[in-house]
C-alpha atoms as a PDB file:
ATOM      1  CA  MET A   1       6.950  11.216  -4.964  1.00  0.00           C
ATOM      2  CA  LYS A   2       4.694   9.261  -2.689  1.00  0.00           C
ATOM      3  CA  THR A   3       5.551   6.580  -0.075  1.00  0.00           C
ATOM      4  CA  PHE A   4       3.472   3.953   1.687  1.00  0.00           C
ATOM      5  CA  THR A   5       4.586   1.723   4.514  1.00  0.00           C
ATOM      6  CA  CYS A   6       2.485  -1.402   4.723  1.00  0.00           C
ATOM      7  CA  GLY A   7       3.005  -1.641   8.454  1.00  0.00           C
ATOM      8  CA  ASP A   8       0.943   1.532   8.855  1.00  0.00           C
ATOM      9  CA  VAL A   9      -2.057  -0.587   7.882  1.00  0.00           C
ATOM     10  CA  VAL A  10      -0.977  -4.201   8.493  1.00  0.00           C
ATOM     11  CA  ALA A  11       0.826  -4.620  11.799  1.00  0.00           C
ATOM     12  CA  GLY A  12       4.223  -6.224  11.487  1.00  0.00           C
ATOM     13  CA  CYS A  13       4.654  -5.799   7.707  1.00  0.00           C
ATOM     14  CA  ARG A  14       7.875  -3.972   6.817  1.00  0.00           C
ATOM     15  CA  GLU A  15       7.333  -3.440   3.078  1.00  0.00           C
ATOM     16  CA  VAL A  16       7.708   0.138   1.841  1.00  0.00           C
ATOM     17  CA  PHE A  17       6.485   1.325  -1.589  1.00  0.00           C
ATOM     18  CA  THR A  18       7.470   4.455  -3.518  1.00  0.00           C
ATOM     19  CA  ALA A  19       5.897   5.804  -6.680  1.00  0.00           C
ATOM     20  CA  ALA A  20       5.195   9.087  -8.474  1.00  0.00           C
ATOM     21  CA  ASP A  21       1.520   9.037  -7.466  1.00  0.00           C
ATOM     22  CA  SER A  22      -1.109   7.177  -5.485  1.00  0.00           C
ATOM     23  CA  ASP A  23      -2.122   5.039  -8.449  1.00  0.00           C
ATOM     24  CA  GLY A  24       1.464   3.749  -8.670  1.00  0.00           C
ATOM     25  CA  ILE A  25       1.446   2.908  -4.955  1.00  0.00           C
ATOM     26  CA  LEU A  26      -1.923   1.098  -5.288  1.00  0.00           C
ATOM     27  CA  ALA A  27      -0.626  -0.945  -8.178  1.00  0.00           C
ATOM     28  CA  GLN A  28       2.368  -2.075  -6.155  1.00  0.00           C
ATOM     29  CA  VAL A  29       0.316  -2.709  -3.028  1.00  0.00           C
ATOM     30  CA  SER A  30      -2.190  -4.798  -4.956  1.00  0.00           C
ATOM     31  CA  GLY A  31       0.522  -7.281  -5.984  1.00  0.00           C
ATOM     32  CA  HIS A  32       2.019  -7.237  -2.475  1.00  0.00           C
ATOM     33  CA  ALA A  33      -1.383  -7.944  -0.890  1.00  0.00           C
ATOM     34  CA  ARG A  34      -1.925 -10.863  -3.253  1.00  0.00           C
ATOM     35  CA  HIS A  35       1.514 -12.421  -2.928  1.00  0.00           C
ATOM     36  CA  ASP A  36       2.508 -11.640   0.643  1.00  0.00           C
ATOM     37  CA  HIS A  37      -0.802 -11.344   2.498  1.00  0.00           C
ATOM     38  CA  GLY A  38      -2.880 -13.904   0.565  1.00  0.00           C
ATOM     39  CA  LEU A  39      -5.549 -11.435  -0.582  1.00  0.00           C
ATOM     40  CA  PRO A  40      -6.727 -12.178  -4.135  1.00  0.00           C
ATOM     41  CA  ASP A  41      -8.610  -8.874  -4.191  1.00  0.00           C
ATOM     42  CA  VAL A  42      -7.943  -5.825  -2.059  1.00  0.00           C
ATOM     43  CA  PRO A  43     -11.189  -4.847  -0.236  1.00  0.00           C
ATOM     44  CA  ALA A  44     -12.372  -1.278  -0.697  1.00  0.00           C
ATOM     45  CA  ASP A  45     -11.963  -0.438   2.980  1.00  0.00           C
ATOM     46  CA  LEU A  46      -8.304  -1.560   2.837  1.00  0.00           C
ATOM     47  CA  VAL A  47      -7.732   0.601  -0.266  1.00  0.00           C
ATOM     48  CA  GLY A  48      -9.114   3.532   1.719  1.00  0.00           C
ATOM     49  CA  GLN A  49      -6.775   2.852   4.573  1.00  0.00           C
ATOM     50  CA  VAL A  50      -3.821   2.664   2.191  1.00  0.00           C
ATOM     51  CA  LEU A  51      -4.787   5.929   0.564  1.00  0.00           C
ATOM     52  CA  LEU A  52      -4.966   7.653   3.950  1.00  0.00           C
ATOM     53  CA  ALA A  53      -1.549   6.284   4.921  1.00  0.00           C
ATOM     54  CA  ILE A  54       0.279   7.415   1.715  1.00  0.00           C
ATOM     55  CA  ARG A  55       2.773  10.179   2.447  1.00  0.00           C
ATOM     56  CA  GLU A  56       4.376  12.824   0.282  1.00  0.00           C
ATOM     57  CA  THR A  57       8.162  12.489   0.083  1.00  0.00           C
ATOM     58  CA  ALA A  58      10.775  14.978  -0.994  1.00  0.00           C
END
């Protein structure tokens, strides 16, 4: 399993996402970025930051 905490990239955001793989995390984060952060498209540099912040969970 993989976990991503949005606050690791966007200060003050407390959303946490869990999925089987990075693609699952990115799918969830895309919707979150659109609905909660007002980003219609996630810029490539932000995707890179998300990928670096994804952690393996037990």
